[in-house]
Amino acid sequence: MRVKLAAGNWKMNGTRAALAEIDTLVAAHGDAAIEILICPPATLLAPMAERIGTAKIALGGQTCHPQASGAHTGDISAEMLADAGATHVILGHSERRADHGESDDTVRAQARAALAAGLTCIICVGETEAQRDAANTLDIISGQLAGSIPDLSTGESLIVAYEPVWAIGTGRTPTLDQIGEVHDYIRAELERRFGAGVGRSVRLLYGGSVKPGNAAEIFAVSNVDGALVGGASLKASDFGGIIDALQQA
């Protein structure tokens, strides 16, 4: 049985004042029956870990460098994330691919570094609006899965997040049938590549304008094991509604 996961990606948002939201989240959901993950800016990882304490809320980074250390000004390694209290890391998010030119090969190298540091990788895949309109969605997803995921991945070390680029931060979401089609396809591709055991154990998250108001219907879709939430994870009240919907799914 795959444990459901509600993951929040704070992106480039949050200063120490935002730690109050974590206090609220811990008080309301610190012993939730599902897994909860927050991926804040790297500057907040260590103080957030201290605030969370023994509560059942995990922390993750938003990217990492393929190398463990070195002359890479402004970058952060997987080992540094782990040292600050992270257990997970988001890799291949469309904003990293677009803003920083990260290719599938780059994401694969980052994932190998993360695995070596003992982190669980959340590898993001998703099509642009033009690719969706050209009916190339599944081809794009196939290529990203093949190019971004390391061969030694397991159900414990890998999570895949489907985030259609055109739905991130726009308020638009695919239809439930479109979400189901992609998630079923990803599951089949993972089973084909890694075998039924690993392929069925990898959790698949949906991301892209997930809100308390639409979470329940999304979580009812086949092979949706949770969500990677952006803006709605910044406020404990909004993220809490998504957590509640996932616990009830």
Protein backbone atom coordinates (compact mmCIF):
# COMPACT_ATOMS: atom_id res chain seq x y z
CA MET A 1 0.00 0.00 0.00
CA ARG A 2 1.43 3.37 -1.06
CA VAL A 3 1.33 5.97 1.72
CA LYS A 4 -0.36 9.15 0.55
CA LEU A 5 1.79 12.27 0.46
CA ALA A 6 0.95 15.95 0.64
CA ALA A 7 4.06 17.90 -0.40
CA GLY A 8 4.33 21.68 -0.28
CA ASN A 9 6.79 23.56 -2.51
CA TRP A 10 7.28 27.05 -1.11
CA LYS A 11 9.48 28.06 -4.08
CA MET A 12 11.20 31.45 -3.52
CA ASN A 13 8.84 32.49 -0.76
CA GLY A 14 9.25 32.81 2.98
CA THR A 15 11.43 34.41 5.62
CA ARG A 16 11.73 33.49 9.29
CA ALA A 17 8.38 35.19 9.93
CA ALA A 18 6.76 32.39 7.88
CA LEU A 19 7.83 29.82 10.48
CA ALA A 20 4.61 30.69 12.31
CA GLU A 21 2.76 28.83 9.54
CA ILE A 22 4.77 25.72 10.40
CA ASP A 23 3.78 26.05 14.06
CA THR A 24 0.13 26.10 12.99
CA LEU A 25 0.63 23.11 10.69
CA VAL A 26 2.36 21.10 13.41
CA ALA A 27 -0.43 21.85 15.87
CA ALA A 28 -3.15 20.77 13.44
CA HIS A 29 -1.48 17.95 11.50
CA GLY A 30 1.62 16.90 13.42
CA ASP A 31 0.32 13.35 13.77
CA ALA A 32 -1.50 12.98 10.44
CA ALA A 33 -2.18 9.52 9.04
CA ILE A 34 -0.62 10.52 5.72
CA GLU A 35 2.88 11.83 5.02
CA ILE A 36 3.39 15.59 4.94
CA LEU A 37 6.41 17.25 3.35
CA ILE A 38 7.42 20.91 3.19
CA CYS A 39 10.11 22.10 0.76
CA PRO A 40 11.01 25.64 1.86
CA PRO A 41 13.82 27.88 0.62
CA ALA A 42 17.16 26.48 1.75
CA THR A 43 17.58 29.35 4.21
CA LEU A 44 14.62 28.04 6.23
CA LEU A 45 15.48 24.33 6.32
CA ALA A 46 17.46 24.30 9.57
CA PRO A 47 15.20 26.65 11.58
CA MET A 48 12.14 24.82 10.26
CA ALA A 49 13.59 21.48 11.33
CA GLU A 50 13.99 22.87 14.83
CA ARG A 51 10.38 24.11 14.92
CA ILE A 52 8.99 20.79 13.67
CA GLY A 53 10.86 18.75 16.26
CA THR A 54 9.36 15.26 16.56
CA ALA A 55 6.17 16.02 14.61
CA LYS A 56 5.47 13.82 11.57
CA ILE A 57 6.32 16.47 8.99
CA ALA A 58 9.29 15.96 6.68
CA LEU A 59 11.43 18.59 4.97
CA GLY A 60 12.91 18.75 1.51
CA GLY A 61 15.06 20.92 -0.72
CA GLN A 62 13.97 22.42 -4.02
CA THR A 63 17.02 21.38 -6.04
CA CYS A 64 20.60 20.22 -5.58
CA HIS A 65 23.87 20.27 -7.48
CA PRO A 66 25.13 17.05 -9.11
CA GLN A 67 28.43 17.38 -7.25
CA ALA A 68 28.90 16.82 -3.53
CA SER A 69 31.06 19.94 -3.11
CA GLY A 70 33.31 22.29 -5.03
CA ALA A 71 33.61 25.67 -6.71
CA HIS A 72 29.93 26.15 -7.54
CA THR A 73 29.03 29.56 -6.17
CA GLY A 74 25.39 29.89 -5.15
CA ASP A 75 24.63 26.17 -5.43
CA ILE A 76 23.72 23.68 -2.73
CA SER A 77 24.62 20.01 -2.55
CA ALA A 78 22.46 17.07 -1.55
CA GLU A 79 24.72 16.51 1.46
CA MET A 80 24.12 20.10 2.59
CA LEU A 81 20.37 19.61 2.34
CA ALA A 82 20.56 16.43 4.40
CA ASP A 83 22.77 18.15 6.97
CA ALA A 84 20.18 20.93 7.33
CA GLY A 85 17.42 18.42 8.05
CA ALA A 86 16.04 17.51 4.62
CA THR A 87 14.99 13.97 3.72
CA HIS A 88 13.66 14.78 0.24
CA VAL A 89 14.51 17.00 -2.72
CA ILE A 90 12.46 18.25 -5.66
CA LEU A 91 14.26 17.79 -8.98
CA GLY A 92 13.37 18.73 -12.55
CA HIS A 93 10.64 21.20 -11.69
CA SER A 94 9.56 23.01 -14.84
CA GLU A 95 10.68 26.32 -13.36
CA ARG A 96 14.20 24.92 -12.92
CA ARG A 97 14.14 23.45 -16.41
CA ALA A 98 13.00 26.76 -17.90
CA ASP A 99 14.82 29.30 -15.72
CA HIS A 100 18.10 27.42 -15.33
CA GLY A 101 18.20 25.28 -18.45
CA GLU A 102 18.19 22.01 -16.54
CA SER A 103 17.91 19.11 -18.98
CA ASP A 104 16.84 15.52 -18.37
CA ASP A 105 20.53 14.61 -18.15
CA THR A 106 21.07 17.28 -15.51
CA VAL A 107 18.11 16.06 -13.48
CA ARG A 108 19.37 12.49 -13.69
CA ALA A 109 22.80 13.56 -12.40
CA GLN A 110 21.18 15.53 -9.58
CA ALA A 111 19.06 12.53 -8.68
CA ARG A 112 22.11 10.29 -8.49
CA ALA A 113 23.73 12.79 -6.12
CA ALA A 114 20.57 12.94 -4.02
CA LEU A 115 20.37 9.15 -3.79
CA ALA A 116 24.02 9.00 -2.73
CA ALA A 117 23.19 11.44 0.09
CA GLY A 118 20.24 9.33 1.21
CA LEU A 119 17.54 11.71 -0.02
CA THR A 120 14.27 10.71 -1.63
CA CYS A 121 13.87 12.34 -5.06
CA ILE A 122 10.66 13.95 -6.26
CA ILE A 123 11.23 14.08 -10.00
CA CYS A 124 8.87 16.38 -11.89
CA VAL A 125 7.57 15.82 -15.40
CA GLY A 126 5.04 17.72 -17.44
CA GLU A 127 4.15 19.21 -20.79
CA THR A 128 3.78 22.81 -21.93
CA GLU A 129 0.53 24.16 -23.31
CA ALA A 130 1.89 23.96 -26.88
CA GLN A 131 2.87 20.33 -26.38
CA ARG A 132 -0.57 19.52 -24.96
CA ASP A 133 -2.28 21.27 -27.88
CA ALA A 134 -0.10 19.30 -30.32
CA ALA A 135 -1.19 16.03 -28.67
CA ASN A 136 2.44 15.30 -27.67
CA THR A 137 1.84 14.99 -23.94
CA LEU A 138 2.58 11.28 -23.50
CA ASP A 139 5.65 11.45 -25.75
CA ILE A 140 7.02 14.33 -23.66
CA ILE A 141 6.30 12.49 -20.41
CA SER A 142 7.94 9.32 -21.74
CA GLY A 143 11.11 11.16 -22.66
CA GLN A 144 11.33 12.95 -19.32
CA LEU A 145 10.81 9.73 -17.37
CA ALA A 146 13.44 7.88 -19.38
CA GLY A 147 15.97 10.70 -19.25
CA SER A 148 15.51 12.00 -15.71
CA ILE A 149 15.11 8.91 -13.51
CA PRO A 150 18.25 6.95 -12.49
CA ASP A 151 18.33 3.22 -13.09
CA LEU A 152 18.78 2.34 -9.41
CA SER A 153 15.60 4.07 -8.26
CA THR A 154 13.22 2.25 -5.92
CA GLY A 155 9.81 2.85 -4.42
CA GLU A 156 11.51 4.24 -1.33
CA SER A 157 13.89 6.59 -3.15
CA LEU A 158 11.68 7.87 -5.98
CA ILE A 159 8.48 9.88 -6.20
CA VAL A 160 7.21 11.20 -9.54
CA ALA A 161 5.20 14.41 -9.76
CA TYR A 162 3.14 15.18 -12.85
CA GLU A 163 2.89 18.94 -13.22
CA PRO A 164 1.49 20.21 -16.52
CA VAL A 165 3.46 23.41 -17.05
CA TRP A 166 0.40 25.31 -18.24
CA ALA A 167 -1.44 24.60 -14.97
CA ILE A 168 1.27 25.75 -12.53
CA GLY A 169 0.22 28.94 -10.78
CA THR A 170 -2.40 29.74 -13.42
CA GLY A 171 -5.53 28.57 -11.65
CA ARG A 172 -6.15 26.19 -14.57
CA THR A 173 -6.22 22.45 -14.10
CA PRO A 174 -6.46 19.58 -16.58
CA THR A 175 -9.67 17.61 -16.66
CA LEU A 176 -9.83 14.63 -14.34
CA ASP A 177 -9.65 12.37 -17.39
CA GLN A 178 -6.46 14.09 -18.55
CA ILE A 179 -4.88 13.70 -15.11
CA GLY A 180 -5.89 10.06 -14.99
CA GLU A 181 -4.54 9.35 -18.46
CA VAL A 182 -1.09 10.71 -17.60
CA HIS A 183 -0.89 9.08 -14.17
CA ASP A 184 -1.94 5.70 -15.56
CA TYR A 185 0.65 6.10 -18.31
CA ILE A 186 3.41 6.97 -15.82
CA ARG A 187 2.50 3.93 -13.72
CA ALA A 188 2.66 1.67 -16.78
CA GLU A 189 6.02 3.13 -17.85
CA LEU A 190 7.51 2.62 -14.39
CA GLU A 191 6.29 -0.97 -14.29
CA ARG A 192 7.70 -1.61 -17.74
CA ARG A 193 11.11 -0.21 -16.83
CA PHE A 194 11.53 -1.32 -13.22
CA GLY A 195 9.17 -4.28 -12.94
CA ALA A 196 5.82 -4.56 -11.22
CA GLY A 197 7.21 -4.43 -7.68
CA VAL A 198 9.06 -1.13 -7.96
CA GLY A 199 6.73 0.30 -10.57
CA ARG A 200 3.69 -0.13 -8.35
CA SER A 201 5.40 1.15 -5.22
CA VAL A 202 6.52 4.55 -6.57
CA ARG A 203 4.14 7.26 -5.48
CA LEU A 204 2.71 9.56 -8.13
CA LEU A 205 1.77 13.12 -7.19
CA TYR A 206 -0.28 15.61 -9.16
CA GLY A 207 0.76 19.27 -9.11
CA GLY A 208 -0.67 22.34 -10.79
CA SER A 209 -3.14 24.72 -9.11
CA VAL A 210 -4.20 22.21 -6.45
CA LYS A 211 -6.46 23.95 -3.92
CA PRO A 212 -8.73 22.88 -1.06
CA GLY A 213 -11.69 23.30 -3.39
CA ASN A 214 -10.51 20.85 -6.07
CA ALA A 215 -8.28 18.51 -4.06
CA ALA A 216 -10.88 15.85 -3.24
CA GLU A 217 -11.87 15.23 -6.86
CA ILE A 218 -8.22 15.09 -7.95
CA PHE A 219 -7.35 12.60 -5.21
CA ALA A 220 -10.14 10.32 -6.41
CA VAL A 221 -8.41 9.88 -9.79
CA SER A 222 -6.64 6.61 -10.55
CA ASN A 223 -2.96 6.45 -9.53
CA VAL A 224 -2.96 9.86 -7.83
CA ASP A 225 -1.19 9.23 -4.51
CA GLY A 226 -1.09 12.84 -3.36
CA ALA A 227 -0.11 16.31 -4.50
CA LEU A 228 2.85 18.61 -4.97
CA VAL A 229 1.33 21.92 -3.96
CA GLY A 230 2.74 25.36 -4.72
CA GLY A 231 1.06 28.58 -3.58
CA ALA A 232 -1.61 26.84 -1.51
CA SER A 233 1.08 25.34 0.74
CA LEU A 234 2.28 28.74 1.98
CA LYS A 235 -0.64 29.13 4.38
CA ALA A 236 -1.33 26.39 6.91
CA SER A 237 -5.08 26.94 6.55
CA ASP A 238 -5.02 26.30 2.79
CA PHE A 239 -2.56 23.42 2.95
CA GLY A 240 -4.52 21.94 5.83
CA GLY A 241 -7.61 21.73 3.64
CA ILE A 242 -5.63 19.77 1.05
CA ILE A 243 -4.22 17.50 3.77
CA ASP A 244 -7.72 16.84 5.08
CA ALA A 245 -8.96 15.96 1.59
CA LEU A 246 -6.08 13.54 1.07
CA GLN A 247 -6.67 11.83 4.41
CA GLN A 248 -10.29 11.29 3.44
CA ALA A 249 -9.54 10.07 -0.09
